[in-house]
N, C-alpha and C. Protein backbone atom coordinates (compact mmCIF):
# COMPACT_ATOMS: atom_id res chain seq x y z
N MET A 1 14.72 -23.60 1.29
CA MET A 1 13.60 -24.46 1.50
C MET A 1 12.49 -23.68 2.20
N THR A 2 11.29 -23.67 1.62
CA THR A 2 10.18 -22.96 2.23
C THR A 2 9.51 -23.85 3.27
N ARG A 3 8.62 -23.25 3.99
CA ARG A 3 7.92 -23.97 5.04
C ARG A 3 7.13 -25.15 4.48
N THR A 4 6.54 -25.01 3.30
CA THR A 4 5.75 -26.09 2.72
C THR A 4 6.59 -27.20 2.15
N ASP A 5 7.89 -26.97 1.93
CA ASP A 5 8.76 -28.03 1.42
C ASP A 5 9.09 -29.05 2.49
N SER A 6 8.93 -28.69 3.74
CA SER A 6 9.21 -29.62 4.82
C SER A 6 8.19 -30.75 4.78
N PRO A 7 8.61 -31.98 4.94
CA PRO A 7 7.67 -33.10 4.83
C PRO A 7 6.66 -33.16 5.96
N THR A 8 6.93 -32.52 7.10
CA THR A 8 6.01 -32.60 8.23
C THR A 8 5.18 -31.34 8.42
N ALA A 9 5.48 -30.28 7.72
CA ALA A 9 4.79 -29.01 7.94
C ALA A 9 3.49 -28.94 7.14
N ASP A 10 2.43 -28.49 7.79
CA ASP A 10 1.17 -28.23 7.10
C ASP A 10 1.26 -26.87 6.44
N PRO A 11 0.72 -26.74 5.24
CA PRO A 11 0.71 -25.41 4.61
C PRO A 11 -0.13 -24.43 5.42
N SER A 12 0.31 -23.21 5.49
CA SER A 12 -0.40 -22.19 6.25
C SER A 12 -1.28 -21.37 5.31
N VAL A 13 -2.02 -20.44 5.91
CA VAL A 13 -2.86 -19.54 5.12
C VAL A 13 -1.99 -18.69 4.20
N VAL A 14 -0.83 -18.30 4.68
CA VAL A 14 0.09 -17.50 3.86
C VAL A 14 0.54 -18.30 2.63
N ASP A 15 0.85 -19.58 2.84
CA ASP A 15 1.23 -20.43 1.72
C ASP A 15 0.10 -20.56 0.71
N MET A 16 -1.13 -20.67 1.23
CA MET A 16 -2.30 -20.76 0.36
C MET A 16 -2.46 -19.48 -0.46
N PHE A 17 -2.29 -18.32 0.18
CA PHE A 17 -2.42 -17.05 -0.54
C PHE A 17 -1.34 -16.91 -1.60
N ARG A 18 -0.15 -17.44 -1.34
CA ARG A 18 0.91 -17.38 -2.34
C ARG A 18 0.63 -18.31 -3.52
N ALA A 19 0.11 -19.49 -3.24
CA ALA A 19 -0.14 -20.47 -4.29
C ALA A 19 -1.41 -20.18 -5.08
N LEU A 20 -2.44 -19.68 -4.41
CA LEU A 20 -3.73 -19.42 -5.05
C LEU A 20 -4.20 -18.00 -4.73
N PRO A 21 -3.53 -16.98 -5.28
CA PRO A 21 -3.85 -15.61 -4.85
C PRO A 21 -5.25 -15.15 -5.25
N VAL A 22 -5.69 -15.43 -6.44
CA VAL A 22 -7.00 -14.93 -6.88
C VAL A 22 -8.12 -15.64 -6.13
N ARG A 23 -8.03 -16.95 -6.06
CA ARG A 23 -9.05 -17.73 -5.35
C ARG A 23 -9.13 -17.32 -3.88
N SER A 24 -7.99 -17.15 -3.24
CA SER A 24 -7.96 -16.75 -1.84
C SER A 24 -8.53 -15.35 -1.66
N LEU A 25 -8.21 -14.47 -2.58
CA LEU A 25 -8.73 -13.11 -2.51
C LEU A 25 -10.25 -13.10 -2.61
N VAL A 26 -10.79 -13.84 -3.58
CA VAL A 26 -12.24 -13.87 -3.80
C VAL A 26 -12.96 -14.50 -2.62
N LEU A 27 -12.42 -15.56 -2.05
CA LEU A 27 -13.11 -16.26 -0.98
C LEU A 27 -12.87 -15.68 0.40
N SER A 28 -11.78 -14.97 0.61
CA SER A 28 -11.44 -14.52 1.95
C SER A 28 -11.51 -13.01 2.15
N VAL A 29 -10.96 -12.27 1.22
CA VAL A 29 -10.81 -10.83 1.42
C VAL A 29 -12.04 -10.06 0.94
N ILE A 30 -12.55 -10.40 -0.21
CA ILE A 30 -13.66 -9.63 -0.78
C ILE A 30 -14.91 -9.67 0.10
N PRO A 31 -15.33 -10.83 0.65
CA PRO A 31 -16.50 -10.78 1.56
C PRO A 31 -16.28 -9.88 2.78
N ALA A 32 -15.07 -9.89 3.34
CA ALA A 32 -14.79 -9.01 4.47
C ALA A 32 -14.83 -7.55 4.04
N PHE A 33 -14.35 -7.25 2.84
CA PHE A 33 -14.40 -5.89 2.32
C PHE A 33 -15.84 -5.44 2.09
N ILE A 34 -16.68 -6.34 1.59
CA ILE A 34 -18.10 -6.02 1.39
C ILE A 34 -18.78 -5.75 2.73
N ALA A 35 -18.43 -6.52 3.76
CA ALA A 35 -18.99 -6.27 5.09
C ALA A 35 -18.58 -4.89 5.60
N LEU A 36 -17.33 -4.51 5.36
CA LEU A 36 -16.87 -3.18 5.75
C LEU A 36 -17.63 -2.09 4.99
N LEU A 37 -17.81 -2.29 3.70
CA LEU A 37 -18.57 -1.32 2.90
C LEU A 37 -20.01 -1.20 3.37
N GLN A 38 -20.61 -2.30 3.78
CA GLN A 38 -21.98 -2.25 4.30
C GLN A 38 -22.03 -1.44 5.59
N GLY A 39 -21.01 -1.59 6.43
CA GLY A 39 -20.95 -0.79 7.65
C GLY A 39 -20.82 0.70 7.34
N VAL A 40 -20.01 1.02 6.35
CA VAL A 40 -19.87 2.42 5.92
C VAL A 40 -21.19 2.93 5.35
N ASN A 41 -21.87 2.11 4.58
CA ASN A 41 -23.16 2.48 4.00
C ASN A 41 -24.18 2.80 5.09
N VAL A 42 -24.22 1.98 6.12
CA VAL A 42 -25.15 2.22 7.23
C VAL A 42 -24.80 3.53 7.93
N ALA A 43 -23.51 3.77 8.15
CA ALA A 43 -23.09 4.99 8.84
C ALA A 43 -23.38 6.24 8.01
N VAL A 44 -23.11 6.17 6.71
CA VAL A 44 -23.30 7.33 5.83
C VAL A 44 -24.78 7.69 5.73
N ASN A 45 -25.64 6.68 5.67
CA ASN A 45 -27.07 6.94 5.51
C ASN A 45 -27.79 7.13 6.83
N GLY A 46 -27.07 7.08 7.93
CA GLY A 46 -27.65 7.35 9.24
C GLY A 46 -28.63 6.28 9.71
N LEU A 47 -28.46 5.07 9.26
CA LEU A 47 -29.35 3.98 9.66
C LEU A 47 -28.89 3.39 10.99
N PRO A 48 -29.82 2.76 11.70
CA PRO A 48 -29.41 2.08 12.94
C PRO A 48 -28.48 0.91 12.62
N LEU A 49 -27.63 0.57 13.57
CA LEU A 49 -26.66 -0.51 13.40
C LEU A 49 -27.34 -1.85 13.14
N GLN A 50 -28.59 -2.00 13.59
CA GLN A 50 -29.30 -3.27 13.42
C GLN A 50 -29.56 -3.60 11.95
N TYR A 51 -29.50 -2.62 11.08
CA TYR A 51 -29.71 -2.89 9.66
C TYR A 51 -28.47 -3.49 8.99
N GLY A 52 -27.31 -3.04 9.38
CA GLY A 52 -26.09 -3.50 8.73
C GLY A 52 -25.36 -4.62 9.45
N ALA A 53 -25.55 -4.72 10.76
CA ALA A 53 -24.80 -5.69 11.54
C ALA A 53 -25.07 -7.15 11.14
N PRO A 54 -26.33 -7.57 10.95
CA PRO A 54 -26.55 -8.97 10.57
C PRO A 54 -25.90 -9.32 9.22
N PHE A 55 -25.98 -8.41 8.26
CA PHE A 55 -25.36 -8.67 6.96
C PHE A 55 -23.85 -8.77 7.10
N ALA A 56 -23.25 -7.83 7.83
CA ALA A 56 -21.80 -7.85 8.01
C ALA A 56 -21.36 -9.12 8.74
N LEU A 57 -22.10 -9.50 9.76
CA LEU A 57 -21.78 -10.72 10.50
C LEU A 57 -21.88 -11.95 9.60
N MET A 58 -22.91 -12.00 8.78
CA MET A 58 -23.07 -13.12 7.85
C MET A 58 -21.93 -13.17 6.84
N MET A 59 -21.53 -12.02 6.31
CA MET A 59 -20.44 -11.98 5.34
C MET A 59 -19.11 -12.42 5.98
N LEU A 60 -18.86 -11.97 7.20
CA LEU A 60 -17.63 -12.37 7.88
C LEU A 60 -17.63 -13.87 8.21
N THR A 61 -18.79 -14.39 8.59
CA THR A 61 -18.91 -15.82 8.88
C THR A 61 -18.70 -16.64 7.62
N CYS A 62 -19.30 -16.22 6.51
CA CYS A 62 -19.11 -16.92 5.24
C CYS A 62 -17.65 -16.84 4.78
N SER A 63 -17.04 -15.70 4.98
CA SER A 63 -15.62 -15.54 4.61
C SER A 63 -14.74 -16.49 5.42
N ALA A 64 -15.01 -16.60 6.71
CA ALA A 64 -14.21 -17.50 7.56
C ALA A 64 -14.43 -18.96 7.14
N ALA A 65 -15.67 -19.33 6.87
CA ALA A 65 -15.96 -20.70 6.46
C ALA A 65 -15.32 -21.02 5.11
N ALA A 66 -15.42 -20.10 4.17
CA ALA A 66 -14.83 -20.32 2.85
C ALA A 66 -13.31 -20.40 2.94
N THR A 67 -12.70 -19.58 3.80
CA THR A 67 -11.25 -19.62 3.97
C THR A 67 -10.82 -20.95 4.56
N ARG A 68 -11.55 -21.43 5.56
CA ARG A 68 -11.22 -22.72 6.17
C ARG A 68 -11.35 -23.86 5.16
N GLN A 69 -12.42 -23.83 4.36
CA GLN A 69 -12.62 -24.89 3.37
C GLN A 69 -11.53 -24.82 2.30
N ASN A 70 -11.20 -23.62 1.87
CA ASN A 70 -10.16 -23.44 0.86
C ASN A 70 -8.81 -23.92 1.40
N LEU A 71 -8.51 -23.62 2.66
CA LEU A 71 -7.26 -24.07 3.27
C LEU A 71 -7.23 -25.60 3.40
N ALA A 72 -8.35 -26.20 3.78
CA ALA A 72 -8.40 -27.66 3.88
C ALA A 72 -8.17 -28.30 2.52
N SER A 73 -8.79 -27.74 1.50
CA SER A 73 -8.61 -28.25 0.14
C SER A 73 -7.15 -28.09 -0.31
N PHE A 74 -6.56 -26.95 0.00
CA PHE A 74 -5.17 -26.69 -0.37
C PHE A 74 -4.23 -27.65 0.36
N ARG A 75 -4.49 -27.89 1.64
CA ARG A 75 -3.65 -28.83 2.40
C ARG A 75 -3.76 -30.24 1.84
N THR A 76 -4.97 -30.66 1.48
CA THR A 76 -5.16 -31.99 0.89
C THR A 76 -4.41 -32.11 -0.42
N ARG A 77 -4.54 -31.11 -1.28
CA ARG A 77 -3.85 -31.15 -2.56
C ARG A 77 -2.33 -31.15 -2.38
N THR A 78 -1.84 -30.36 -1.43
CA THR A 78 -0.40 -30.32 -1.16
C THR A 78 0.09 -31.67 -0.65
N LEU A 79 -0.69 -32.29 0.24
CA LEU A 79 -0.32 -33.60 0.76
C LEU A 79 -0.31 -34.64 -0.36
N GLU A 80 -1.31 -34.61 -1.22
CA GLU A 80 -1.35 -35.55 -2.34
C GLU A 80 -0.18 -35.33 -3.30
N ASP A 81 0.16 -34.07 -3.55
CA ASP A 81 1.30 -33.78 -4.43
C ASP A 81 2.60 -34.31 -3.83
N ARG A 82 2.79 -34.11 -2.52
CA ARG A 82 4.00 -34.63 -1.86
C ARG A 82 4.05 -36.16 -1.96
N TRP A 83 2.92 -36.80 -1.74
CA TRP A 83 2.87 -38.25 -1.79
C TRP A 83 3.21 -38.75 -3.19
N MET A 84 2.64 -38.09 -4.20
CA MET A 84 2.93 -38.50 -5.58
C MET A 84 4.39 -38.25 -5.93
N ASP A 85 4.96 -37.16 -5.45
CA ASP A 85 6.39 -36.88 -5.70
C ASP A 85 7.27 -37.95 -5.06
N GLN A 86 6.89 -38.41 -3.88
CA GLN A 86 7.67 -39.45 -3.22
C GLN A 86 7.55 -40.78 -3.95
N ARG A 87 6.38 -41.09 -4.48
CA ARG A 87 6.19 -42.34 -5.22
C ARG A 87 6.98 -42.33 -6.53
N VAL A 88 6.98 -41.19 -7.20
CA VAL A 88 7.68 -41.08 -8.48
C VAL A 88 9.18 -41.15 -8.29
N SER A 89 9.68 -40.59 -7.19
CA SER A 89 11.13 -40.55 -6.98
C SER A 89 11.70 -41.90 -6.54
N ARG A 90 10.86 -42.84 -6.20
CA ARG A 90 11.36 -44.16 -5.78
C ARG A 90 11.79 -45.00 -6.93
């Protein structure tokens, strides 16, 4: 029995990544990777940190917000699926 099979457990971020790997990757990992690449770009080109920091901060903030929204959506869908499974089994 996995953690999400328990009737009282909320699905975690790990459960979300297992169930929706591509969507989670696009919304969570890729923006953080782009922020890292922007930091490398600033360092390689010898630009001041003020040029890359706002963009990186914005990308990390958007990544966190998208991950939270995706997790909330996943939890809602999981809860609805459990509820429907309980109704059908009665």
